[in-house]
Amino acid sequence: MCSNYTFPGKCVPMIEKPSTKKILADSMLELSRTVTINKITVDMIVKNCGYSRKTFYNHFLDKYDLAYWIFETNSNRIIAQYSENCTWGEILGKIYRFMYENGNLFGVSWDPKDLKLATDRVINYCDEYYRRRLIALHGDQALNDEIQFLLKFNNYGASHMVMDWVNRKWKQTPEELGLFIADAMPARLAELLDL
């Protein structure tokens, strides 16, 4: 039996309509090819995709919230897509490559206050990802005081190193940075995370 749309005599796969968030994200990514985030406005984003400001604010607090959503969504996609065949350092390199290729959105032209908020959100993203992974592998008991300290230490340091790399245009490639960050993870934490 066909679980998609049935055209007379044929099973035709349904094409999923992109979500409003995805359309707004694509609009911002398109604009960021030629304009830095500090110059992009909500009006520009909605005009580019034919939505209203009300629609934008129904989904995001501001343009930085949208930029973070783009980061989180693409990081989740990269982790899911490559977790079977790549090392953790290679996966991080792919995430950093996405950030590098979309440099007008990630860090270079951010207001310092907004950059600090973004860094805090990235730290929280890392913390949440690693906590979920630890619990899935070892149960709630894995989050003892030692491991929580190692998580905070690792996530704070790694996130700040990445933001420094973005802002200072360090010489490492995204792939090299991914390997450096993965290799710098405390051994006990890496072992428990099976990375």
N, C-alpha and C. Protein backbone atom coordinates (compact mmCIF):
# COMPACT_ATOMS: atom_id res chain seq x y z
N MET A 1 0.84 -1.18 0.00
CA MET A 1 0.00 0.00 0.00
C MET A 1 0.89 1.25 0.00
N CYS A 2 0.49 2.22 -0.72
CA CYS A 2 1.25 3.46 -0.85
C CYS A 2 0.94 4.37 0.33
N SER A 3 2.03 4.80 1.05
CA SER A 3 1.80 5.69 2.20
C SER A 3 1.93 7.15 1.80
N ASN A 4 2.20 7.39 0.54
CA ASN A 4 2.31 8.76 0.04
C ASN A 4 1.08 9.10 -0.80
N TYR A 5 1.14 10.19 -1.50
CA TYR A 5 0.04 10.61 -2.37
C TYR A 5 -0.09 9.63 -3.54
N THR A 6 -1.30 9.19 -3.81
CA THR A 6 -1.51 8.27 -4.90
C THR A 6 -2.05 9.02 -6.11
N PHE A 7 -1.27 9.00 -7.17
CA PHE A 7 -1.65 9.55 -8.46
C PHE A 7 -2.21 8.37 -9.23
N PRO A 8 -3.25 8.50 -10.04
CA PRO A 8 -3.88 7.33 -10.68
C PRO A 8 -2.85 6.30 -11.16
N GLY A 9 -2.85 5.15 -10.46
CA GLY A 9 -1.97 4.06 -10.84
C GLY A 9 -0.54 4.17 -10.33
N LYS A 10 -0.17 5.26 -9.64
CA LYS A 10 1.21 5.44 -9.19
C LYS A 10 1.24 5.92 -7.74
N CYS A 11 2.31 5.52 -7.08
CA CYS A 11 2.58 6.04 -5.75
C CYS A 11 3.61 7.15 -5.90
N VAL A 12 3.21 8.38 -5.59
CA VAL A 12 4.10 9.54 -5.75
C VAL A 12 4.50 10.02 -4.35
N PRO A 13 5.82 10.06 -4.08
CA PRO A 13 6.24 10.53 -2.76
C PRO A 13 5.78 11.96 -2.51
N MET A 14 5.32 12.20 -1.29
CA MET A 14 4.92 13.55 -0.90
C MET A 14 6.18 14.40 -0.74
N ILE A 15 6.14 15.58 -1.24
CA ILE A 15 7.25 16.51 -1.04
C ILE A 15 6.90 17.33 0.18
N GLU A 16 7.79 17.23 1.19
CA GLU A 16 7.53 17.95 2.42
C GLU A 16 7.71 19.44 2.21
N LYS A 17 6.73 20.19 2.63
CA LYS A 17 6.80 21.64 2.53
C LYS A 17 7.78 22.14 3.60
N PRO A 18 8.74 23.00 3.20
CA PRO A 18 9.68 23.51 4.20
C PRO A 18 8.95 24.30 5.29
N SER A 19 9.46 24.18 6.51
CA SER A 19 8.85 24.91 7.62
C SER A 19 9.12 26.40 7.46
N THR A 20 8.32 27.19 8.16
CA THR A 20 8.52 28.64 8.14
C THR A 20 9.91 28.99 8.66
N LYS A 21 10.35 28.30 9.71
CA LYS A 21 11.69 28.55 10.25
C LYS A 21 12.75 28.29 9.19
N LYS A 22 12.60 27.21 8.46
CA LYS A 22 13.58 26.86 7.41
C LYS A 22 13.58 27.92 6.31
N ILE A 23 12.43 28.40 5.93
CA ILE A 23 12.35 29.42 4.88
C ILE A 23 13.02 30.72 5.36
N LEU A 24 12.76 31.10 6.60
CA LEU A 24 13.41 32.29 7.15
C LEU A 24 14.93 32.08 7.24
N ALA A 25 15.35 30.88 7.63
CA ALA A 25 16.78 30.57 7.72
C ALA A 25 17.43 30.64 6.34
N ASP A 26 16.78 30.06 5.34
CA ASP A 26 17.33 30.10 3.98
C ASP A 26 17.44 31.54 3.48
N SER A 27 16.45 32.36 3.84
CA SER A 27 16.48 33.76 3.45
C SER A 27 17.69 34.46 4.07
N MET A 28 17.91 34.22 5.37
CA MET A 28 19.05 34.85 6.04
C MET A 28 20.38 34.33 5.48
N LEU A 29 20.47 33.04 5.23
CA LEU A 29 21.70 32.49 4.64
C LEU A 29 21.98 33.11 3.28
N GLU A 30 20.92 33.26 2.47
CA GLU A 30 21.09 33.89 1.16
C GLU A 30 21.59 35.32 1.29
N LEU A 31 20.99 36.09 2.19
CA LEU A 31 21.43 37.48 2.40
C LEU A 31 22.87 37.54 2.90
N SER A 32 23.24 36.57 3.74
CA SER A 32 24.58 36.60 4.35
C SER A 32 25.69 36.30 3.35
N ARG A 33 25.34 35.90 2.17
CA ARG A 33 26.39 35.70 1.15
C ARG A 33 27.04 37.02 0.77
N THR A 34 26.28 38.12 0.93
CA THR A 34 26.82 39.43 0.54
C THR A 34 26.78 40.48 1.64
N VAL A 35 26.10 40.16 2.77
CA VAL A 35 25.92 41.15 3.83
C VAL A 35 26.25 40.49 5.17
N THR A 36 26.96 41.22 6.05
CA THR A 36 27.26 40.67 7.37
C THR A 36 26.05 40.79 8.29
N ILE A 37 26.03 39.98 9.34
CA ILE A 37 24.87 39.91 10.23
C ILE A 37 24.53 41.26 10.86
N ASN A 38 25.54 42.07 11.14
CA ASN A 38 25.25 43.37 11.75
C ASN A 38 24.53 44.32 10.80
N LYS A 39 24.57 44.03 9.51
CA LYS A 39 23.89 44.86 8.51
C LYS A 39 22.55 44.26 8.06
N ILE A 40 22.36 42.97 8.32
CA ILE A 40 21.10 42.32 7.96
C ILE A 40 20.02 42.75 8.95
N THR A 41 18.85 43.08 8.44
CA THR A 41 17.73 43.45 9.30
C THR A 41 16.61 42.43 9.15
N VAL A 42 15.73 42.43 10.12
CA VAL A 42 14.55 41.56 10.04
C VAL A 42 13.74 41.91 8.80
N ASP A 43 13.62 43.20 8.50
CA ASP A 43 12.89 43.61 7.29
C ASP A 43 13.51 43.00 6.03
N MET A 44 14.82 42.98 5.97
CA MET A 44 15.49 42.39 4.80
C MET A 44 15.19 40.89 4.71
N ILE A 45 15.22 40.20 5.85
CA ILE A 45 14.99 38.75 5.87
C ILE A 45 13.58 38.44 5.38
N VAL A 46 12.57 39.15 5.93
CA VAL A 46 11.19 38.83 5.56
C VAL A 46 10.86 39.27 4.13
N LYS A 47 11.42 40.38 3.72
CA LYS A 47 11.19 40.84 2.35
C LYS A 47 11.77 39.84 1.34
N ASN A 48 12.92 39.28 1.67
CA ASN A 48 13.59 38.34 0.78
C ASN A 48 12.80 37.04 0.58
N CYS A 49 11.96 36.68 1.57
CA CYS A 49 11.21 35.42 1.43
C CYS A 49 9.70 35.63 1.37
N GLY A 50 9.26 36.88 1.43
CA GLY A 50 7.83 37.15 1.28
C GLY A 50 7.00 36.96 2.54
N TYR A 51 7.63 36.95 3.69
CA TYR A 51 6.89 36.85 4.95
C TYR A 51 6.74 38.22 5.60
N SER A 52 5.96 38.25 6.67
CA SER A 52 5.78 39.49 7.41
C SER A 52 6.67 39.48 8.65
N ARG A 53 6.85 40.67 9.23
CA ARG A 53 7.61 40.78 10.48
C ARG A 53 6.92 39.97 11.59
N LYS A 54 5.59 39.99 11.58
CA LYS A 54 4.84 39.23 12.58
C LYS A 54 5.18 37.75 12.49
N THR A 55 5.24 37.22 11.28
CA THR A 55 5.61 35.81 11.11
C THR A 55 7.00 35.56 11.66
N PHE A 56 7.94 36.45 11.35
CA PHE A 56 9.30 36.29 11.86
C PHE A 56 9.29 36.22 13.39
N TYR A 57 8.61 37.18 14.02
CA TYR A 57 8.62 37.26 15.48
C TYR A 57 7.76 36.18 16.15
N ASN A 58 6.94 35.49 15.37
CA ASN A 58 6.24 34.33 15.90
C ASN A 58 7.20 33.15 16.09
N HIS A 59 8.34 33.20 15.40
CA HIS A 59 9.29 32.08 15.43
C HIS A 59 10.63 32.40 16.08
N PHE A 60 11.06 33.65 16.03
CA PHE A 60 12.38 34.02 16.54
C PHE A 60 12.31 35.33 17.31
N LEU A 61 13.20 35.46 18.29
CA LEU A 61 13.26 36.71 19.08
C LEU A 61 13.87 37.85 18.28
N ASP A 62 14.90 37.52 17.50
CA ASP A 62 15.62 38.52 16.70
C ASP A 62 16.49 37.78 15.69
N LYS A 63 17.28 38.52 14.93
CA LYS A 63 18.10 37.90 13.88
C LYS A 63 19.18 37.00 14.48
N TYR A 64 19.64 37.31 15.69
CA TYR A 64 20.66 36.48 16.33
C TYR A 64 20.07 35.15 16.79
N ASP A 65 18.82 35.17 17.21
CA ASP A 65 18.13 33.94 17.56
C ASP A 65 18.00 33.05 16.31
N LEU A 66 17.70 33.65 15.19
CA LEU A 66 17.64 32.91 13.93
C LEU A 66 19.02 32.36 13.56
N ALA A 67 20.07 33.14 13.71
CA ALA A 67 21.43 32.67 13.41
C ALA A 67 21.79 31.48 14.29
N TYR A 68 21.43 31.56 15.57
CA TYR A 68 21.69 30.43 16.47
C TYR A 68 20.90 29.21 16.02
N TRP A 69 19.63 29.39 15.63
CA TRP A 69 18.82 28.27 15.15
C TRP A 69 19.48 27.61 13.93
N ILE A 70 20.03 28.43 13.05
CA ILE A 70 20.74 27.90 11.88
C ILE A 70 21.94 27.06 12.34
N PHE A 71 22.70 27.59 13.31
CA PHE A 71 23.85 26.85 13.85
C PHE A 71 23.39 25.52 14.45
N GLU A 72 22.40 25.56 15.31
CA GLU A 72 21.94 24.35 16.01
C GLU A 72 21.37 23.32 15.03
N THR A 73 20.53 23.77 14.11
CA THR A 73 19.92 22.86 13.15
C THR A 73 20.98 22.18 12.28
N ASN A 74 21.94 22.96 11.80
CA ASN A 74 22.98 22.38 10.95
C ASN A 74 23.94 21.51 11.74
N SER A 75 24.22 21.87 12.99
CA SER A 75 25.07 21.01 13.83
C SER A 75 24.39 19.66 14.06
N ASN A 76 23.10 19.68 14.37
CA ASN A 76 22.36 18.43 14.57
C ASN A 76 22.35 17.59 13.31
N ARG A 77 22.17 18.24 12.15
CA ARG A 77 22.16 17.51 10.87
C ARG A 77 23.52 16.87 10.62
N ILE A 78 24.59 17.62 10.84
CA ILE A 78 25.95 17.11 10.59
C ILE A 78 26.25 15.93 11.52
N ILE A 79 25.90 16.06 12.80
CA ILE A 79 26.15 14.97 13.75
C ILE A 79 25.39 13.72 13.31
N ALA A 80 24.12 13.86 12.96
CA ALA A 80 23.32 12.71 12.53
C ALA A 80 23.86 12.09 11.25
N GLN A 81 24.27 12.93 10.32
CA GLN A 81 24.72 12.46 9.01
C GLN A 81 26.07 11.74 9.08
N TYR A 82 26.97 12.18 9.94
CA TYR A 82 28.34 11.67 9.91
C TYR A 82 28.73 10.83 11.12
N SER A 83 27.84 10.64 12.08
CA SER A 83 28.24 9.95 13.31
C SER A 83 28.63 8.49 13.10
N GLU A 84 28.14 7.87 12.08
CA GLU A 84 28.48 6.46 11.82
C GLU A 84 29.86 6.29 11.20
N ASN A 85 30.30 7.27 10.40
CA ASN A 85 31.50 7.07 9.59
C ASN A 85 32.67 7.99 9.91
N CYS A 86 32.52 8.92 10.83
CA CYS A 86 33.57 9.91 11.09
C CYS A 86 33.94 9.93 12.57
N THR A 87 35.16 10.34 12.84
CA THR A 87 35.56 10.55 14.23
C THR A 87 34.90 11.82 14.74
N TRP A 88 34.93 12.00 16.07
CA TRP A 88 34.34 13.20 16.65
C TRP A 88 35.07 14.45 16.15
N GLY A 89 36.38 14.38 16.02
CA GLY A 89 37.14 15.52 15.51
C GLY A 89 36.75 15.88 14.08
N GLU A 90 36.49 14.87 13.26
CA GLU A 90 36.05 15.13 11.88
C GLU A 90 34.65 15.76 11.86
N ILE A 91 33.78 15.29 12.75
CA ILE A 91 32.43 15.87 12.83
C ILE A 91 32.51 17.33 13.25
N LEU A 92 33.32 17.61 14.29
CA LEU A 92 33.49 19.00 14.71
C LEU A 92 34.05 19.84 13.56
N GLY A 93 34.99 19.28 12.81
CA GLY A 93 35.55 19.98 11.65
C GLY A 93 34.48 20.34 10.63
N LYS A 94 33.53 19.45 10.43
CA LYS A 94 32.44 19.72 9.48
C LYS A 94 31.52 20.84 10.01
N ILE A 95 31.27 20.83 11.33
CA ILE A 95 30.47 21.91 11.93
C ILE A 95 31.21 23.24 11.78
N TYR A 96 32.52 23.24 12.06
CA TYR A 96 33.30 24.47 11.94
C TYR A 96 33.44 24.91 10.48
N ARG A 97 33.46 23.96 9.56
CA ARG A 97 33.49 24.29 8.13
C ARG A 97 32.21 25.03 7.75
N PHE A 98 31.06 24.56 8.25
CA PHE A 98 29.79 25.25 7.99
C PHE A 98 29.86 26.68 8.52
N MET A 99 30.38 26.85 9.73
CA MET A 99 30.50 28.19 10.31
C MET A 99 31.44 29.05 9.47
N TYR A 100 32.53 28.47 9.05
CA TYR A 100 33.54 29.19 8.25
C TYR A 100 32.94 29.63 6.91
N GLU A 101 32.22 28.73 6.27
CA GLU A 101 31.64 29.04 4.96
C GLU A 101 30.49 30.05 5.06
N ASN A 102 29.96 30.21 6.24
CA ASN A 102 28.90 31.18 6.49
C ASN A 102 29.39 32.23 7.47
N GLY A 103 30.61 32.68 7.27
CA GLY A 103 31.30 33.58 8.19
C GLY A 103 30.59 34.89 8.44
N ASN A 104 29.78 35.35 7.49
CA ASN A 104 29.05 36.60 7.72
C ASN A 104 27.98 36.45 8.81
N LEU A 105 27.63 35.20 9.14
CA LEU A 105 26.64 34.98 10.20
C LEU A 105 27.27 34.67 11.54
N PHE A 106 28.44 34.08 11.55
CA PHE A 106 28.97 33.50 12.78
C PHE A 106 30.18 34.24 13.31
N GLY A 107 29.92 35.28 14.10
CA GLY A 107 30.93 35.89 14.93
C GLY A 107 31.66 37.09 14.43
N VAL A 108 32.08 37.11 13.19
CA VAL A 108 32.99 38.14 12.72
C VAL A 108 32.45 39.55 12.92
N SER A 109 31.19 39.77 12.66
CA SER A 109 30.65 41.13 12.72
C SER A 109 29.60 41.30 13.82
N TRP A 110 29.62 40.43 14.82
CA TRP A 110 28.62 40.51 15.87
C TRP A 110 28.97 41.60 16.86
N ASP A 111 27.96 42.22 17.40
CA ASP A 111 28.12 43.13 18.53
C ASP A 111 28.63 42.29 19.71
N PRO A 112 29.59 42.80 20.52
CA PRO A 112 30.16 42.00 21.62
C PRO A 112 29.11 41.44 22.59
N LYS A 113 28.07 42.19 22.88
CA LYS A 113 27.00 41.71 23.78
C LYS A 113 26.29 40.51 23.15
N ASP A 114 25.97 40.60 21.87
CA ASP A 114 25.29 39.50 21.19
C ASP A 114 26.22 38.30 21.02
N LEU A 115 27.51 38.56 20.82
CA LEU A 115 28.47 37.47 20.68
C LEU A 115 28.58 36.70 21.99
N LYS A 116 28.55 37.40 23.12
CA LYS A 116 28.61 36.72 24.41
C LYS A 116 27.38 35.84 24.60
N LEU A 117 26.21 36.35 24.23
CA LEU A 117 24.99 35.54 24.34
C LEU A 117 25.07 34.32 23.42
N ALA A 118 25.61 34.51 22.22
CA ALA A 118 25.75 33.39 21.29
C ALA A 118 26.70 32.35 21.85
N THR A 119 27.81 32.79 22.42
CA THR A 119 28.77 31.87 23.00
C THR A 119 28.12 31.08 24.13
N ASP A 120 27.36 31.76 24.97
CA ASP A 120 26.66 31.09 26.07
C ASP A 120 25.68 30.04 25.53
N ARG A 121 25.00 30.36 24.44
CA ARG A 121 24.06 29.40 23.86
C ARG A 121 24.79 28.21 23.26
N VAL A 122 25.96 28.44 22.66
CA VAL A 122 26.75 27.33 22.12
C VAL A 122 27.24 26.44 23.26
N ILE A 123 27.67 27.04 24.36
CA ILE A 123 28.09 26.26 25.52
C ILE A 123 26.91 25.40 26.00
N ASN A 124 25.73 25.99 26.10
CA ASN A 124 24.54 25.24 26.53
C ASN A 124 24.19 24.13 25.54
N TYR A 125 24.35 24.40 24.25
CA TYR A 125 24.09 23.37 23.23
C TYR A 125 25.02 22.19 23.44
N CYS A 126 26.32 22.47 23.60
CA CYS A 126 27.31 21.40 23.82
C CYS A 126 26.98 20.63 25.09
N ASP A 127 26.68 21.36 26.16
CA ASP A 127 26.37 20.74 27.44
C ASP A 127 25.17 19.80 27.30
N GLU A 128 24.13 20.28 26.66
CA GLU A 128 22.92 19.46 26.49
C GLU A 128 23.20 18.23 25.62
N TYR A 129 23.95 18.41 24.53
CA TYR A 129 24.27 17.28 23.66
C TYR A 129 25.04 16.22 24.43
N TYR A 130 26.11 16.61 25.13
CA TYR A 130 26.93 15.65 25.85
C TYR A 130 26.16 15.00 27.01
N ARG A 131 25.33 15.77 27.70
CA ARG A 131 24.54 15.20 28.80
C ARG A 131 23.58 14.12 28.27
N ARG A 132 22.89 14.43 27.17
CA ARG A 132 21.97 13.44 26.58
C ARG A 132 22.72 12.18 26.18
N ARG A 133 23.90 12.37 25.60
CA ARG A 133 24.70 11.22 25.17
C ARG A 133 25.16 10.38 26.37
N LEU A 134 25.63 11.06 27.41
CA LEU A 134 26.06 10.34 28.62
C LEU A 134 24.91 9.54 29.23
N ILE A 135 23.75 10.16 29.34
CA ILE A 135 22.60 9.47 29.92
C ILE A 135 22.17 8.30 29.05
N ALA A 136 22.19 8.47 27.73
CA ALA A 136 21.83 7.38 26.82
C ALA A 136 22.80 6.21 26.96
N LEU A 137 24.07 6.50 27.17
CA LEU A 137 25.09 5.44 27.26
C LEU A 137 25.18 4.82 28.65
N HIS A 138 25.00 5.63 29.70
CA HIS A 138 25.31 5.15 31.05
C HIS A 138 24.22 5.41 32.09
N GLY A 139 23.13 6.04 31.72
CA GLY A 139 22.09 6.35 32.68
C GLY A 139 22.39 7.63 33.46
N ASP A 140 21.42 8.05 34.26
CA ASP A 140 21.54 9.30 35.03
C ASP A 140 22.74 9.32 35.96
N GLN A 141 23.13 8.15 36.46
CA GLN A 141 24.23 8.10 37.41
C GLN A 141 25.56 8.56 36.81
N ALA A 142 25.64 8.65 35.50
CA ALA A 142 26.89 9.10 34.85
C ALA A 142 27.17 10.57 35.13
N LEU A 143 26.15 11.32 35.49
CA LEU A 143 26.32 12.76 35.70
C LEU A 143 26.68 13.09 37.14
N ASN A 144 27.74 12.47 37.64
CA ASN A 144 28.20 12.77 38.99
C ASN A 144 28.95 14.10 38.99
N ASP A 145 29.38 14.55 40.17
CA ASP A 145 30.04 15.87 40.28
C ASP A 145 31.28 15.97 39.41
N GLU A 146 32.08 14.91 39.37
CA GLU A 146 33.32 14.94 38.56
C GLU A 146 33.00 15.14 37.09
N ILE A 147 32.04 14.39 36.59
CA ILE A 147 31.70 14.46 35.16
C ILE A 147 31.05 15.80 34.84
N GLN A 148 30.22 16.32 35.73
CA GLN A 148 29.62 17.63 35.49
C GLN A 148 30.69 18.72 35.44
N PHE A 149 31.70 18.60 36.30
CA PHE A 149 32.82 19.55 36.26
C PHE A 149 33.56 19.43 34.92
N LEU A 150 33.85 18.20 34.49
CA LEU A 150 34.57 18.00 33.22
C LEU A 150 33.76 18.53 32.04
N LEU A 151 32.43 18.34 32.07
CA LEU A 151 31.57 18.87 31.01
C LEU A 151 31.68 20.39 30.95
N LYS A 152 31.53 21.03 32.11
CA LYS A 152 31.58 22.49 32.15
C LYS A 152 32.95 22.99 31.68
N PHE A 153 34.01 22.37 32.16
CA PHE A 153 35.37 22.73 31.79
C PHE A 153 35.58 22.60 30.28
N ASN A 154 35.19 21.45 29.74
CA ASN A 154 35.36 21.20 28.31
C ASN A 154 34.52 22.13 27.45
N ASN A 155 33.23 22.25 27.77
CA ASN A 155 32.33 23.03 26.92
C ASN A 155 32.64 24.51 26.95
N TYR A 156 32.99 25.03 28.12
CA TYR A 156 33.34 26.44 28.23
C TYR A 156 34.62 26.72 27.43
N GLY A 157 35.64 25.91 27.67
CA GLY A 157 36.91 26.13 26.98
C GLY A 157 36.80 25.95 25.48
N ALA A 158 36.18 24.87 25.04
CA ALA A 158 36.07 24.59 23.60
C ALA A 158 35.27 25.67 22.89
N SER A 159 34.14 26.08 23.48
CA SER A 159 33.30 27.09 22.83
C SER A 159 34.03 28.43 22.72
N HIS A 160 34.75 28.82 23.76
CA HIS A 160 35.51 30.06 23.69
C HIS A 160 36.66 29.97 22.68
N MET A 161 37.28 28.82 22.58
CA MET A 161 38.36 28.65 21.59
C MET A 161 37.80 28.80 20.17
N VAL A 162 36.63 28.23 19.92
CA VAL A 162 36.02 28.33 18.59
C VAL A 162 35.65 29.78 18.29
N MET A 163 35.08 30.48 19.25
CA MET A 163 34.72 31.88 19.02
C MET A 163 35.97 32.74 18.81
N ASP A 164 37.04 32.44 19.54
CA ASP A 164 38.31 33.14 19.29
C ASP A 164 38.80 32.87 17.88
N TRP A 165 38.68 31.63 17.45
CA TRP A 165 39.12 31.24 16.11
C TRP A 165 38.31 32.02 15.05
N VAL A 166 36.99 32.11 15.27
CA VAL A 166 36.14 32.85 14.33
C VAL A 166 36.53 34.33 14.30
N ASN A 167 36.68 34.93 15.46
CA ASN A 167 36.92 36.37 15.53
C ASN A 167 38.33 36.79 15.17
N ARG A 168 39.29 35.95 15.41
CA ARG A 168 40.68 36.32 15.15
C ARG A 168 41.22 35.74 13.86
N LYS A 169 40.39 34.97 13.19
CA LYS A 169 40.79 34.36 11.91
C LYS A 169 42.11 33.61 12.07
N TRP A 170 42.13 32.71 13.04
CA TRP A 170 43.33 31.91 13.26
C TRP A 170 43.67 31.13 12.01
N LYS A 171 44.85 30.61 11.96
CA LYS A 171 45.34 29.99 10.72
C LYS A 171 44.89 28.54 10.54
N GLN A 172 44.37 27.91 11.58
CA GLN A 172 43.94 26.53 11.42
C GLN A 172 42.74 26.46 10.48
N THR A 173 42.70 25.38 9.72
CA THR A 173 41.49 25.14 8.93
C THR A 173 40.40 24.67 9.89
N PRO A 174 39.14 24.73 9.46
CA PRO A 174 38.07 24.21 10.33
C PRO A 174 38.30 22.75 10.71
N GLU A 175 38.84 21.99 9.77
CA GLU A 175 39.09 20.57 10.02
C GLU A 175 40.19 20.38 11.07
N GLU A 176 41.25 21.18 10.99
CA GLU A 176 42.32 21.12 12.00
C GLU A 176 41.77 21.51 13.37
N LEU A 177 40.97 22.56 13.41
CA LEU A 177 40.39 23.00 14.67
C LEU A 177 39.53 21.91 15.28
N GLY A 178 38.74 21.23 14.46
CA GLY A 178 37.91 20.12 14.94
C GLY A 178 38.74 19.04 15.61
N LEU A 179 39.86 18.69 14.99
CA LEU A 179 40.74 17.68 15.56
C LEU A 179 41.38 18.18 16.85
N PHE A 180 41.82 19.45 16.88
CA PHE A 180 42.41 20.02 18.09
C PHE A 180 41.42 20.00 19.25
N ILE A 181 40.19 20.43 18.98
CA ILE A 181 39.17 20.51 20.04
C ILE A 181 38.83 19.11 20.55
N ALA A 182 38.69 18.15 19.63
CA ALA A 182 38.38 16.77 20.05
C ALA A 182 39.53 16.19 20.87
N ASP A 183 40.76 16.43 20.43
CA ASP A 183 41.93 15.90 21.15
C ASP A 183 42.11 16.54 22.52
N ALA A 184 41.61 17.77 22.70
CA ALA A 184 41.76 18.47 23.97
C ALA A 184 40.70 18.06 25.00
N MET A 185 39.69 17.30 24.58
CA MET A 185 38.66 16.87 25.53
C MET A 185 39.31 16.00 26.61
N PRO A 186 38.96 16.23 27.88
CA PRO A 186 39.52 15.39 28.94
C PRO A 186 39.29 13.91 28.65
N ALA A 187 40.34 13.09 28.83
CA ALA A 187 40.29 11.68 28.47
C ALA A 187 39.15 10.93 29.14
N ARG A 188 38.91 11.20 30.40
CA ARG A 188 37.82 10.54 31.13
C ARG A 188 36.48 10.84 30.48
N LEU A 189 36.27 12.07 30.08
CA LEU A 189 35.01 12.47 29.44
C LEU A 189 34.88 11.82 28.06
N ALA A 190 35.94 11.87 27.27
CA ALA A 190 35.92 11.26 25.93
C ALA A 190 35.62 9.76 26.02
N GLU A 191 36.21 9.10 27.02
CA GLU A 191 35.98 7.66 27.20
C GLU A 191 34.51 7.39 27.52
N LEU A 192 33.95 8.14 28.45
CA LEU A 192 32.55 7.94 28.81
C LEU A 192 31.60 8.27 27.66
N LEU A 193 31.96 9.27 26.87
CA LEU A 193 31.11 9.67 25.74
C LEU A 193 31.29 8.75 24.54
N ASP A 194 32.27 7.87 24.63
CA ASP A 194 32.57 6.94 23.52
C ASP A 194 32.84 7.70 22.23
N LEU A 195 33.70 8.74 22.35
CA LEU A 195 34.04 9.57 21.18
C LEU A 195 35.46 9.28 20.74
